Amino acid sequence: MRVIYLSRRAHGTMLSMRDQRAEYFARCTVVLAAALSETEHDSTEATDRDKLPDPFAVPAPTADAPFAPSMAGREGIFDQALSNGLAAIVASEWPGEELDRRGRVLPASALLKAIEEHLGATDGVVLLPDKEGPAPHIPHGDTASLFQTPRLSSHTRIDVRTLQNGIDATQKARHGRGAGGLRRRHVEALLALDGHRSLGMMGEEQHDRIQQIAQREDVASQKRAAEYLDLIGEEEATRRAENAANPNAYHPKRNPDGHDLDTCPVCGHETFCVEGLDPVFGQVGYGQCLVCTYTRTPGAAEDEAFTEHLRSIMDDE
């Protein structure tokens, strides 16, 4: 079952310091998580141009594999995420201890030390029990499952040793003293913090990110279609619409998953070939117009369906 998130930012709600830290943490970790799929093992090429490389011939990235070497600013993003995440956790568990005597937030290293002093560590790892019951926990390993299959856990895993090593590894690049040494294991240890009840916004942030990408792609697609429509002219568009044949027409036997042509939002003709319906509400079709070539992706269809869903809720009220 897919969870639909309604961002607090969408409501314009004033964020508390706790929520602000959680949001900064989520924004940064989602960017880092998206880059986890990048690997340095990209030199394998297909021997046959008509065939793709064998994915099993490429070694899987290890915990010590360099993290996203082409990603600019990764050390700063890691540091910002870690500082905000740890500050949120310490403030939630031991209010006030996230600050020094002058009221300034402690650096990440000091926050890690405070957590370890309270709970102790086994092999460099602190298991912080959840006082309010199980919370969503970000799984390790498979990056494809980071936002799809959260599991419940009665504790938050804080790998103090790895996170401290990550802090040390980012200092040279952050302060202009050399190259950074951020590794995959540092980022995975960071993601695990999202299981704490003071954070837990990665899913919402990821949904917002996907939604924004879908919106930008749809705007660009509509612009290209409008330009193409101007190029061929109204007369030619009408001629094409009158002669359009639905390549995905419904047929109970030959094509039971087919759909009737829909009205294109760009050219206005009933020539939008529906390939399928949005995956959540099953109301808005995605596909391509046979006249102006406007293309609506599944993500854009879901975004439009969600907007219509909100509109119907407000109308009912």
C-alpha atoms as a PDB file:
ATOM      1  CA  MET A   1       0.000   0.000   0.000  1.00  0.00           C
ATOM      2  CA  ARG A   2       1.367   3.388  -0.946  1.00  0.00           C
ATOM      3  CA  VAL A   3       1.343   6.202   1.592  1.00  0.00           C
ATOM      4  CA  ILE A   4       0.262   9.655   0.400  1.00  0.00           C
ATOM      5  CA  TYR A   5       2.048  12.488   2.156  1.00  0.00           C
ATOM      6  CA  LEU A   6       0.643  15.973   2.541  1.00  0.00           C
ATOM      7  CA  SER A   7       3.568  18.235   3.260  1.00  0.00           C
ATOM      8  CA  ARG A   8       3.418  20.667   6.141  1.00  0.00           C
ATOM      9  CA  ARG A   9       5.093  23.133   3.801  1.00  0.00           C
ATOM     10  CA  ALA A  10       2.102  22.853   1.470  1.00  0.00           C
ATOM     11  CA  HIS A  11      -0.113  24.146   4.267  1.00  0.00           C
ATOM     12  CA  GLY A  12       2.247  27.024   4.999  1.00  0.00           C
ATOM     13  CA  THR A  13       2.490  25.935   8.635  1.00  0.00           C
ATOM     14  CA  MET A  14       5.091  27.722  10.748  1.00  0.00           C
ATOM     15  CA  LEU A  15       7.670  25.107  11.652  1.00  0.00           C
ATOM     16  CA  SER A  16       8.925  24.675  15.197  1.00  0.00           C
ATOM     17  CA  MET A  17      12.659  24.314  15.790  1.00  0.00           C
ATOM     18  CA  ARG A  18      12.168  20.548  16.090  1.00  0.00           C
ATOM     19  CA  ASP A  19      10.305  20.380  12.778  1.00  0.00           C
ATOM     20  CA  GLN A  20      12.805  22.707  11.148  1.00  0.00           C
ATOM     21  CA  ARG A  21      15.676  20.419  12.132  1.00  0.00           C
ATOM     22  CA  ALA A  22      13.731  17.408  10.917  1.00  0.00           C
ATOM     23  CA  GLU A  23      13.036  19.118   7.605  1.00  0.00           C
ATOM     24  CA  TYR A  24      16.668  20.104   7.049  1.00  0.00           C
ATOM     25  CA  PHE A  25      17.695  16.552   7.919  1.00  0.00           C
ATOM     26  CA  ALA A  26      15.142  15.105   5.496  1.00  0.00           C
ATOM     27  CA  ARG A  27      16.057  17.414   2.629  1.00  0.00           C
ATOM     28  CA  CYS A  28      19.738  16.598   2.893  1.00  0.00           C
ATOM     29  CA  THR A  29      19.359  12.860   3.456  1.00  0.00           C
ATOM     30  CA  VAL A  30      17.000  12.445   0.514  1.00  0.00           C
ATOM     31  CA  VAL A  31      19.602  14.061  -1.751  1.00  0.00           C
ATOM     32  CA  LEU A  32      22.286  11.757  -0.348  1.00  0.00           C
ATOM     33  CA  ALA A  33      20.061   8.682  -0.553  1.00  0.00           C
ATOM     34  CA  ALA A  34      19.295   9.394  -4.204  1.00  0.00           C
ATOM     35  CA  ALA A  35      23.020   9.369  -4.900  1.00  0.00           C
ATOM     36  CA  LEU A  36      23.551   6.005  -3.197  1.00  0.00           C
ATOM     37  CA  SER A  37      22.875   4.245  -6.480  1.00  0.00           C
ATOM     38  CA  GLU A  38      25.940   5.874  -8.009  1.00  0.00           C
ATOM     39  CA  THR A  39      28.913   3.542  -8.128  1.00  0.00           C
ATOM     40  CA  GLU A  40      32.494   3.777  -9.219  1.00  0.00           C
ATOM     41  CA  HIS A  41      32.111   0.437 -11.012  1.00  0.00           C
ATOM     42  CA  ASP A  42      30.925   1.995 -14.274  1.00  0.00           C
ATOM     43  CA  SER A  43      33.751   0.987 -16.565  1.00  0.00           C
ATOM     44  CA  THR A  44      32.149  -2.275 -17.708  1.00  0.00           C
ATOM     45  CA  GLU A  45      30.964  -1.914 -21.295  1.00  0.00           C
ATOM     46  CA  ALA A  46      28.860  -4.214 -23.400  1.00  0.00           C
ATOM     47  CA  THR A  47      30.818  -6.282 -25.888  1.00  0.00           C
ATOM     48  CA  ASP A  48      27.777  -6.316 -28.165  1.00  0.00           C
ATOM     49  CA  ARG A  49      26.275  -2.898 -28.872  1.00  0.00           C
ATOM     50  CA  ASP A  50      22.831  -4.465 -29.070  1.00  0.00           C
ATOM     51  CA  LYS A  51      23.142  -5.855 -25.547  1.00  0.00           C
ATOM     52  CA  LEU A  52      23.321  -4.159 -22.181  1.00  0.00           C
ATOM     53  CA  PRO A  53      26.184  -4.918 -19.771  1.00  0.00           C
ATOM     54  CA  ASP A  54      25.657  -7.855 -17.459  1.00  0.00           C
ATOM     55  CA  PRO A  55      24.780  -6.232 -14.087  1.00  0.00           C
ATOM     56  CA  PHE A  56      26.092  -9.301 -12.257  1.00  0.00           C
ATOM     57  CA  ALA A  57      29.517  -8.829 -13.839  1.00  0.00           C
ATOM     58  CA  VAL A  58      29.882  -5.541 -11.974  1.00  0.00           C
ATOM     59  CA  PRO A  59      30.955  -5.847  -8.314  1.00  0.00           C
ATOM     60  CA  ALA A  60      28.362  -4.537  -5.879  1.00  0.00           C
ATOM     61  CA  PRO A  61      29.400  -1.362  -4.030  1.00  0.00           C
ATOM     62  CA  THR A  62      30.811  -2.028  -0.589  1.00  0.00           C
ATOM     63  CA  ALA A  63      30.440  -0.070   2.628  1.00  0.00           C
ATOM     64  CA  ASP A  64      33.860   1.475   2.007  1.00  0.00           C
ATOM     65  CA  ALA A  65      33.139   2.407  -1.612  1.00  0.00           C
ATOM     66  CA  PRO A  66      33.683   6.149  -2.275  1.00  0.00           C
ATOM     67  CA  PHE A  67      30.350   7.916  -2.057  1.00  0.00           C
ATOM     68  CA  ALA A  68      29.043   9.691  -5.172  1.00  0.00           C
ATOM     69  CA  PRO A  69      32.393  11.107  -6.345  1.00  0.00           C
ATOM     70  CA  SER A  70      30.715  13.350  -8.938  1.00  0.00           C
ATOM     71  CA  MET A  71      28.271  14.895  -6.461  1.00  0.00           C
ATOM     72  CA  ALA A  72      29.330  18.445  -5.641  1.00  0.00           C
ATOM     73  CA  GLY A  73      29.053  19.521  -2.018  1.00  0.00           C
ATOM     74  CA  ARG A  74      28.355  16.057  -0.647  1.00  0.00           C
ATOM     75  CA  GLU A  75      30.506  16.660   2.449  1.00  0.00           C
ATOM     76  CA  GLY A  76      28.626  19.834   3.346  1.00  0.00           C
ATOM     77  CA  ILE A  77      25.252  18.147   2.801  1.00  0.00           C
ATOM     78  CA  PHE A  78      26.302  15.242   5.012  1.00  0.00           C
ATOM     79  CA  ASP A  79      27.463  17.601   7.765  1.00  0.00           C
ATOM     80  CA  GLN A  80      24.251  19.666   7.662  1.00  0.00           C
ATOM     81  CA  ALA A  81      22.079  16.566   7.791  1.00  0.00           C
ATOM     82  CA  LEU A  82      24.024  15.018  10.649  1.00  0.00           C
ATOM     83  CA  SER A  83      24.128  18.220  12.723  1.00  0.00           C
ATOM     84  CA  ASN A  84      20.390  18.797  12.417  1.00  0.00           C
ATOM     85  CA  GLY A  85      19.488  15.146  12.923  1.00  0.00           C
ATOM     86  CA  LEU A  86      21.581  14.725  16.064  1.00  0.00           C
ATOM     87  CA  ALA A  87      20.387  18.069  17.476  1.00  0.00           C
ATOM     88  CA  ALA A  88      16.773  16.961  16.991  1.00  0.00           C
ATOM     89  CA  ILE A  89      17.401  13.607  18.675  1.00  0.00           C
ATOM     90  CA  VAL A  90      19.287  14.987  21.687  1.00  0.00           C
ATOM     91  CA  ALA A  91      16.756  17.807  22.182  1.00  0.00           C
ATOM     92  CA  SER A  92      13.944  15.257  22.127  1.00  0.00           C
ATOM     93  CA  GLU A  93      15.589  12.785  24.500  1.00  0.00           C
ATOM     94  CA  TRP A  94      17.400  15.169  26.868  1.00  0.00           C
ATOM     95  CA  PRO A  95      15.978  18.684  26.363  1.00  0.00           C
ATOM     96  CA  GLY A  96      18.587  21.407  26.722  1.00  0.00           C
ATOM     97  CA  GLU A  97      21.587  19.138  26.407  1.00  0.00           C
ATOM     98  CA  GLU A  98      21.899  19.935  22.721  1.00  0.00           C
ATOM     99  CA  LEU A  99      23.117  23.421  23.746  1.00  0.00           C
ATOM    100  CA  ASP A 100      26.378  24.635  25.248  1.00  0.00           C
ATOM    101  CA  ARG A 101      26.669  27.121  28.136  1.00  0.00           C
ATOM    102  CA  ARG A 102      26.150  30.036  25.753  1.00  0.00           C
ATOM    103  CA  GLY A 103      22.991  28.542  24.310  1.00  0.00           C
ATOM    104  CA  ARG A 104      24.580  27.510  21.033  1.00  0.00           C
ATOM    105  CA  VAL A 105      23.879  24.119  19.474  1.00  0.00           C
ATOM    106  CA  LEU A 106      26.717  21.683  20.061  1.00  0.00           C
ATOM    107  CA  PRO A 107      28.685  20.392  17.064  1.00  0.00           C
ATOM    108  CA  ALA A 108      27.893  16.931  15.756  1.00  0.00           C
ATOM    109  CA  SER A 109      30.896  15.338  17.483  1.00  0.00           C
ATOM    110  CA  ALA A 110      29.780  16.652  20.883  1.00  0.00           C
ATOM    111  CA  LEU A 111      26.193  15.517  20.253  1.00  0.00           C
ATOM    112  CA  LEU A 112      27.422  12.010  19.453  1.00  0.00           C
ATOM    113  CA  LYS A 113      29.463  12.045  22.661  1.00  0.00           C
ATOM    114  CA  ALA A 114      26.412  13.121  24.673  1.00  0.00           C
ATOM    115  CA  ILE A 115      24.350  10.249  23.267  1.00  0.00           C
ATOM    116  CA  GLU A 116      27.100   7.740  23.996  1.00  0.00           C
ATOM    117  CA  GLU A 117      27.526   9.047  27.570  1.00  0.00           C
ATOM    118  CA  HIS A 118      23.824   8.583  28.282  1.00  0.00           C
ATOM    119  CA  LEU A 119      23.374   5.118  26.819  1.00  0.00           C
ATOM    120  CA  GLY A 120      26.800   3.595  26.254  1.00  0.00           C
ATOM    121  CA  ALA A 121      27.848   1.920  23.032  1.00  0.00           C
ATOM    122  CA  THR A 122      28.470  -1.672  21.989  1.00  0.00           C
ATOM    123  CA  ASP A 123      31.115  -1.971  19.290  1.00  0.00           C
ATOM    124  CA  GLY A 124      30.643   1.737  18.601  1.00  0.00           C
ATOM    125  CA  VAL A 125      26.865   1.465  18.161  1.00  0.00           C
ATOM    126  CA  VAL A 126      24.148   2.939  20.385  1.00  0.00           C
ATOM    127  CA  LEU A 127      20.642   1.485  20.272  1.00  0.00           C
ATOM    128  CA  LEU A 128      18.338   4.291  21.390  1.00  0.00           C
ATOM    129  CA  PRO A 129      15.042   2.783  22.640  1.00  0.00           C
ATOM    130  CA  ASP A 130      11.805   4.375  21.477  1.00  0.00           C
ATOM    131  CA  LYS A 131       9.819   5.498  24.515  1.00  0.00           C
ATOM    132  CA  GLU A 132       6.620   5.891  22.487  1.00  0.00           C
ATOM    133  CA  GLY A 133       6.591   2.572  20.639  1.00  0.00           C
ATOM    134  CA  PRO A 134       7.989   1.416  17.291  1.00  0.00           C
ATOM    135  CA  ALA A 135       8.892   4.020  14.673  1.00  0.00           C
ATOM    136  CA  PRO A 136       9.586   3.655  10.928  1.00  0.00           C
ATOM    137  CA  HIS A 137      13.162   2.535  10.382  1.00  0.00           C
ATOM    138  CA  ILE A 138      15.103   3.061   7.155  1.00  0.00           C
ATOM    139  CA  PRO A 139      16.423  -0.312   5.945  1.00  0.00           C
ATOM    140  CA  HIS A 140      20.061  -0.758   4.993  1.00  0.00           C
ATOM    141  CA  GLY A 141      21.528  -2.040   1.766  1.00  0.00           C
ATOM    142  CA  ASP A 142      19.100  -1.948  -1.156  1.00  0.00           C
ATOM    143  CA  THR A 143      18.686   1.694  -2.136  1.00  0.00           C
ATOM    144  CA  ALA A 144      15.531   0.890  -4.111  1.00  0.00           C
ATOM    145  CA  SER A 145      13.776   0.034  -0.838  1.00  0.00           C
ATOM    146  CA  LEU A 146      14.779   3.162   1.067  1.00  0.00           C
ATOM    147  CA  PHE A 147      11.390   4.831   0.645  1.00  0.00           C
ATOM    148  CA  GLN A 148       9.195   1.878  -0.231  1.00  0.00           C
ATOM    149  CA  THR A 149       9.482  -0.716   2.528  1.00  0.00           C
ATOM    150  CA  PRO A 150      10.066   0.919   5.903  1.00  0.00           C
ATOM    151  CA  ARG A 151      10.036  -1.579   8.748  1.00  0.00           C
ATOM    152  CA  LEU A 152       9.089  -0.964  12.342  1.00  0.00           C
ATOM    153  CA  SER A 153      11.761  -0.909  15.009  1.00  0.00           C
ATOM    154  CA  SER A 154      11.702  -0.418  18.777  1.00  0.00           C
ATOM    155  CA  HIS A 155      14.965   1.522  18.661  1.00  0.00           C
ATOM    156  CA  THR A 156      17.031   3.935  16.590  1.00  0.00           C
ATOM    157  CA  ARG A 157      20.429   2.664  15.545  1.00  0.00           C
ATOM    158  CA  ILE A 158      23.112   5.309  16.046  1.00  0.00           C
ATOM    159  CA  ASP A 159      26.446   4.111  14.707  1.00  0.00           C
ATOM    160  CA  VAL A 160      28.580   6.560  16.697  1.00  0.00           C
ATOM    161  CA  ARG A 161      31.898   5.219  15.443  1.00  0.00           C
ATOM    162  CA  THR A 162      30.930   5.378  11.751  1.00  0.00           C
ATOM    163  CA  LEU A 163      29.290   8.783  12.036  1.00  0.00           C
ATOM    164  CA  GLN A 164      32.290  10.227  13.860  1.00  0.00           C
ATOM    165  CA  ASN A 165      34.517   8.770  11.168  1.00  0.00           C
ATOM    166  CA  GLY A 166      32.259  10.440   8.605  1.00  0.00           C
ATOM    167  CA  ILE A 167      32.703  13.797  10.337  1.00  0.00           C
ATOM    168  CA  ASP A 168      36.479  13.373  10.244  1.00  0.00           C
ATOM    169  CA  ALA A 169      36.324  12.310   6.591  1.00  0.00           C
ATOM    170  CA  THR A 170      34.466  15.453   5.507  1.00  0.00           C
ATOM    171  CA  GLN A 171      36.548  18.077   7.275  1.00  0.00           C
ATOM    172  CA  LYS A 172      39.312  18.478   4.687  1.00  0.00           C
ATOM    173  CA  ALA A 173      36.918  19.130   1.809  1.00  0.00           C
ATOM    174  CA  ARG A 174      34.633  21.358   3.896  1.00  0.00           C
ATOM    175  CA  HIS A 175      37.459  23.597   5.037  1.00  0.00           C
ATOM    176  CA  GLY A 176      39.572  23.667   1.876  1.00  0.00           C
ATOM    177  CA  ARG A 177      42.305  21.390   3.169  1.00  0.00           C
ATOM    178  CA  GLY A 178      42.051  18.583   0.622  1.00  0.00           C
ATOM    179  CA  ALA A 179      39.772  15.907  -0.802  1.00  0.00           C
ATOM    180  CA  GLY A 180      36.882  14.455   1.165  1.00  0.00           C
ATOM    181  CA  GLY A 181      36.702  10.804   2.148  1.00  0.00           C
ATOM    182  CA  LEU A 182      32.963  10.264   2.470  1.00  0.00           C
ATOM    183  CA  ARG A 183      31.999   6.602   2.097  1.00  0.00           C
ATOM    184  CA  ARG A 184      28.784   4.720   1.491  1.00  0.00           C
ATOM    185  CA  ARG A 185      28.751   3.420   5.082  1.00  0.00           C
ATOM    186  CA  HIS A 186      28.748   6.984   6.412  1.00  0.00           C
ATOM    187  CA  VAL A 187      25.626   7.828   4.445  1.00  0.00           C
ATOM    188  CA  GLU A 188      23.867   4.591   5.406  1.00  0.00           C
ATOM    189  CA  ALA A 189      24.580   5.295   9.088  1.00  0.00           C
ATOM    190  CA  LEU A 190      23.129   8.779   8.598  1.00  0.00           C
ATOM    191  CA  LEU A 191      19.933   7.435   7.001  1.00  0.00           C
ATOM    192  CA  ALA A 192      19.347   5.138   9.967  1.00  0.00           C
ATOM    193  CA  LEU A 193      18.778   8.187  12.204  1.00  0.00           C
ATOM    194  CA  ASP A 194      15.487   8.881  10.445  1.00  0.00           C
ATOM    195  CA  GLY A 195      13.906   6.094  12.506  1.00  0.00           C
ATOM    196  CA  HIS A 196      13.819   8.407  15.534  1.00  0.00           C
ATOM    197  CA  ARG A 197      10.449   9.951  16.350  1.00  0.00           C
ATOM    198  CA  SER A 198      11.905  13.492  16.260  1.00  0.00           C
ATOM    199  CA  LEU A 199      12.764  13.012  12.568  1.00  0.00           C
ATOM    200  CA  GLY A 200      10.889  10.586  10.291  1.00  0.00           C
ATOM    201  CA  MET A 201      10.287  13.038   7.437  1.00  0.00           C
ATOM    202  CA  MET A 202      12.286  11.366   4.693  1.00  0.00           C
ATOM    203  CA  GLY A 203       9.213   9.771   3.144  1.00  0.00           C
ATOM    204  CA  GLU A 204       7.417  13.106   2.958  1.00  0.00           C
ATOM    205  CA  GLU A 205      10.448  14.858   1.530  1.00  0.00           C
ATOM    206  CA  GLN A 206      10.968  12.136  -1.050  1.00  0.00           C
ATOM    207  CA  HIS A 207       7.334  12.412  -2.143  1.00  0.00           C
ATOM    208  CA  ASP A 208       7.668  16.190  -2.466  1.00  0.00           C
ATOM    209  CA  ARG A 209      10.847  15.766  -4.515  1.00  0.00           C
ATOM    210  CA  ILE A 210       9.210  13.289  -6.899  1.00  0.00           C
ATOM    211  CA  GLN A 211       6.147  15.526  -7.197  1.00  0.00           C
ATOM    212  CA  GLN A 212       8.248  18.581  -8.063  1.00  0.00           C
ATOM    213  CA  ILE A 213      10.150  16.656 -10.726  1.00  0.00           C
ATOM    214  CA  ALA A 214       6.877  15.402 -12.238  1.00  0.00           C
ATOM    215  CA  GLN A 215       5.464  18.937 -12.307  1.00  0.00           C
ATOM    216  CA  ARG A 216       8.545  20.353 -14.038  1.00  0.00           C
ATOM    217  CA  GLU A 217       8.526  17.558 -16.619  1.00  0.00           C
ATOM    218  CA  ASP A 218       4.838  18.105 -17.333  1.00  0.00           C
ATOM    219  CA  VAL A 219       5.253  21.862 -17.792  1.00  0.00           C
ATOM    220  CA  ALA A 220       8.114  21.235 -20.211  1.00  0.00           C
ATOM    221  CA  SER A 221       6.072  18.648 -22.116  1.00  0.00           C
ATOM    222  CA  GLN A 222       3.127  21.028 -22.467  1.00  0.00           C
ATOM    223  CA  LYS A 223       5.431  23.777 -23.720  1.00  0.00           C
ATOM    224  CA  ARG A 224       6.980  21.507 -26.361  1.00  0.00           C
ATOM    225  CA  ALA A 225       3.519  20.347 -27.465  1.00  0.00           C
ATOM    226  CA  ALA A 226       2.232  23.932 -27.762  1.00  0.00           C
ATOM    227  CA  GLU A 227       5.256  24.896 -29.872  1.00  0.00           C
ATOM    228  CA  TYR A 228       4.711  21.861 -32.107  1.00  0.00           C
ATOM    229  CA  LEU A 229       1.024  22.761 -32.413  1.00  0.00           C
ATOM    230  CA  ASP A 230       1.940  26.267 -33.588  1.00  0.00           C
ATOM    231  CA  LEU A 231       4.332  24.741 -36.102  1.00  0.00           C
ATOM    232  CA  ILE A 232       1.812  22.435 -37.819  1.00  0.00           C
ATOM    233  CA  GLY A 233      -1.083  24.898 -37.591  1.00  0.00           C
ATOM    234  CA  GLU A 234      -4.741  24.495 -36.597  1.00  0.00           C
ATOM    235  CA  GLU A 235      -5.854  23.119 -39.947  1.00  0.00           C
ATOM    236  CA  GLU A 236      -3.290  20.324 -39.924  1.00  0.00           C
ATOM    237  CA  ALA A 237      -4.045  19.562 -36.271  1.00  0.00           C
ATOM    238  CA  THR A 238      -7.746  19.204 -37.075  1.00  0.00           C
ATOM    239  CA  ARG A 239      -6.991  16.949 -40.034  1.00  0.00           C
ATOM    240  CA  ARG A 240      -4.825  14.707 -37.875  1.00  0.00           C
ATOM    241  CA  ALA A 241      -7.463  14.582 -35.166  1.00  0.00           C
ATOM    242  CA  GLU A 242     -10.161  13.508 -37.637  1.00  0.00           C
ATOM    243  CA  ASN A 243      -7.953  10.690 -38.913  1.00  0.00           C
ATOM    244  CA  ALA A 244      -6.500   9.574 -35.587  1.00  0.00           C
ATOM    245  CA  ALA A 245      -6.821   5.885 -34.777  1.00  0.00           C
ATOM    246  CA  ASN A 246      -6.504   4.722 -31.187  1.00  0.00           C
ATOM    247  CA  PRO A 247      -3.546   2.304 -30.957  1.00  0.00           C
ATOM    248  CA  ASN A 248      -4.571   1.276 -27.438  1.00  0.00           C
ATOM    249  CA  ALA A 249      -8.318   0.877 -27.903  1.00  0.00           C
ATOM    250  CA  TYR A 250     -10.152  -1.383 -25.499  1.00  0.00           C
ATOM    251  CA  HIS A 251     -11.124  -4.838 -26.716  1.00  0.00           C
ATOM    252  CA  PRO A 252     -12.491  -7.489 -24.317  1.00  0.00           C
ATOM    253  CA  LYS A 253     -10.264 -10.192 -25.783  1.00  0.00           C
ATOM    254  CA  ARG A 254      -7.400  -8.622 -27.739  1.00  0.00           C
ATOM    255  CA  ASN A 255      -6.733  -5.661 -25.398  1.00  0.00           C
ATOM    256  CA  PRO A 256      -8.663  -5.828 -22.102  1.00  0.00           C
ATOM    257  CA  ASP A 257      -6.355  -3.182 -20.566  1.00  0.00           C
ATOM    258  CA  GLY A 258      -6.992  -0.665 -23.344  1.00  0.00           C
ATOM    259  CA  HIS A 259      -8.667   2.742 -22.961  1.00  0.00           C
ATOM    260  CA  ASP A 260     -10.732   5.140 -25.044  1.00  0.00           C
ATOM    261  CA  LEU A 261      -9.078   8.282 -26.357  1.00  0.00           C
ATOM    262  CA  ASP A 262      -9.185  11.186 -23.909  1.00  0.00           C
ATOM    263  CA  THR A 263      -9.185  14.946 -24.448  1.00  0.00           C
ATOM    264  CA  CYS A 264      -5.722  16.435 -24.708  1.00  0.00           C
ATOM    265  CA  PRO A 265      -5.201  19.379 -22.327  1.00  0.00           C
ATOM    266  CA  VAL A 266      -2.919  21.132 -24.840  1.00  0.00           C
ATOM    267  CA  CYS A 267      -4.595  20.898 -28.259  1.00  0.00           C
ATOM    268  CA  GLY A 268      -8.123  20.188 -27.001  1.00  0.00           C
ATOM    269  CA  HIS A 269      -8.736  17.315 -29.405  1.00  0.00           C
ATOM    270  CA  GLU A 270      -9.990  13.935 -28.273  1.00  0.00           C
ATOM    271  CA  THR A 271      -6.723  12.341 -29.311  1.00  0.00           C
ATOM    272  CA  PHE A 272      -4.912  11.632 -26.072  1.00  0.00           C
ATOM    273  CA  CYS A 273      -3.882   7.972 -26.161  1.00  0.00           C
ATOM    274  CA  VAL A 274      -4.189   6.624 -22.622  1.00  0.00           C
ATOM    275  CA  GLU A 275      -1.614   3.978 -21.786  1.00  0.00           C
ATOM    276  CA  GLY A 276      -2.739   3.570 -18.171  1.00  0.00           C
ATOM    277  CA  LEU A 277      -4.192   5.332 -15.145  1.00  0.00           C
ATOM    278  CA  ASP A 278      -2.389   6.994 -12.248  1.00  0.00           C
ATOM    279  CA  PRO A 279      -1.174   4.324  -9.799  1.00  0.00           C
ATOM    280  CA  VAL A 280      -2.827   5.752  -6.672  1.00  0.00           C
ATOM    281  CA  PHE A 281      -6.340   6.957  -7.514  1.00  0.00           C
ATOM    282  CA  GLY A 282      -6.800   5.303 -10.905  1.00  0.00           C
ATOM    283  CA  GLN A 283      -8.546   8.366 -12.339  1.00  0.00           C
ATOM    284  CA  VAL A 284      -6.118  10.356 -14.514  1.00  0.00           C
ATOM    285  CA  GLY A 285      -4.621   8.783 -17.605  1.00  0.00           C
ATOM    286  CA  TYR A 286      -1.006   8.946 -18.704  1.00  0.00           C
ATOM    287  CA  GLY A 287       0.183   8.558 -22.278  1.00  0.00           C
ATOM    288  CA  GLN A 288       0.655  10.747 -25.378  1.00  0.00           C
ATOM    289  CA  CYS A 289      -1.453  12.897 -27.671  1.00  0.00           C
ATOM    290  CA  LEU A 290      -1.622  11.660 -31.258  1.00  0.00           C
ATOM    291  CA  VAL A 291      -1.806  15.224 -32.600  1.00  0.00           C
ATOM    292  CA  CYS A 292       0.432  17.573 -30.600  1.00  0.00           C
ATOM    293  CA  THR A 293       2.621  14.837 -29.006  1.00  0.00           C
ATOM    294  CA  TYR A 294       2.037  16.094 -25.437  1.00  0.00           C
ATOM    295  CA  THR A 295       3.211  13.357 -23.074  1.00  0.00           C
ATOM    296  CA  ARG A 296       1.912  12.894 -19.533  1.00  0.00           C
ATOM    297  CA  THR A 297       3.990  10.599 -17.328  1.00  0.00           C
ATOM    298  CA  PRO A 298       2.581   8.355 -14.557  1.00  0.00           C
ATOM    299  CA  GLY A 299       4.085  10.767 -12.019  1.00  0.00           C
ATOM    300  CA  ALA A 300       2.358  13.764 -13.589  1.00  0.00           C
ATOM    301  CA  ALA A 301      -0.908  11.814 -13.749  1.00  0.00           C
ATOM    302  CA  GLU A 302      -0.630  10.957 -10.067  1.00  0.00           C
ATOM    303  CA  ASP A 303       0.102  14.585  -9.211  1.00  0.00           C
ATOM    304  CA  GLU A 304      -2.963  15.769 -11.137  1.00  0.00           C
ATOM    305  CA  ALA A 305      -5.125  13.072  -9.563  1.00  0.00           C
ATOM    306  CA  PHE A 306      -3.945  14.096  -6.110  1.00  0.00           C
ATOM    307  CA  THR A 307      -4.792  17.738  -6.867  1.00  0.00           C
ATOM    308  CA  GLU A 308      -8.268  16.723  -8.016  1.00  0.00           C
ATOM    309  CA  HIS A 309      -8.667  14.625  -4.881  1.00  0.00           C
ATOM    310  CA  LEU A 310      -7.837  17.612  -2.653  1.00  0.00           C
ATOM    311  CA  ARG A 311     -10.187  19.808  -4.666  1.00  0.00           C
ATOM    312  CA  SER A 312     -13.041  17.336  -4.182  1.00  0.00           C
ATOM    313  CA  ILE A 313     -12.393  17.237  -0.432  1.00  0.00           C
ATOM    314  CA  MET A 314     -12.525  21.043  -0.218  1.00  0.00           C
ATOM    315  CA  ASP A 315     -15.691  21.119  -2.328  1.00  0.00           C
ATOM    316  CA  ASP A 316     -17.359  18.641   0.040  1.00  0.00           C
ATOM    317  CA  GLU A 317     -16.504  20.869   2.977  1.00  0.00           C
END
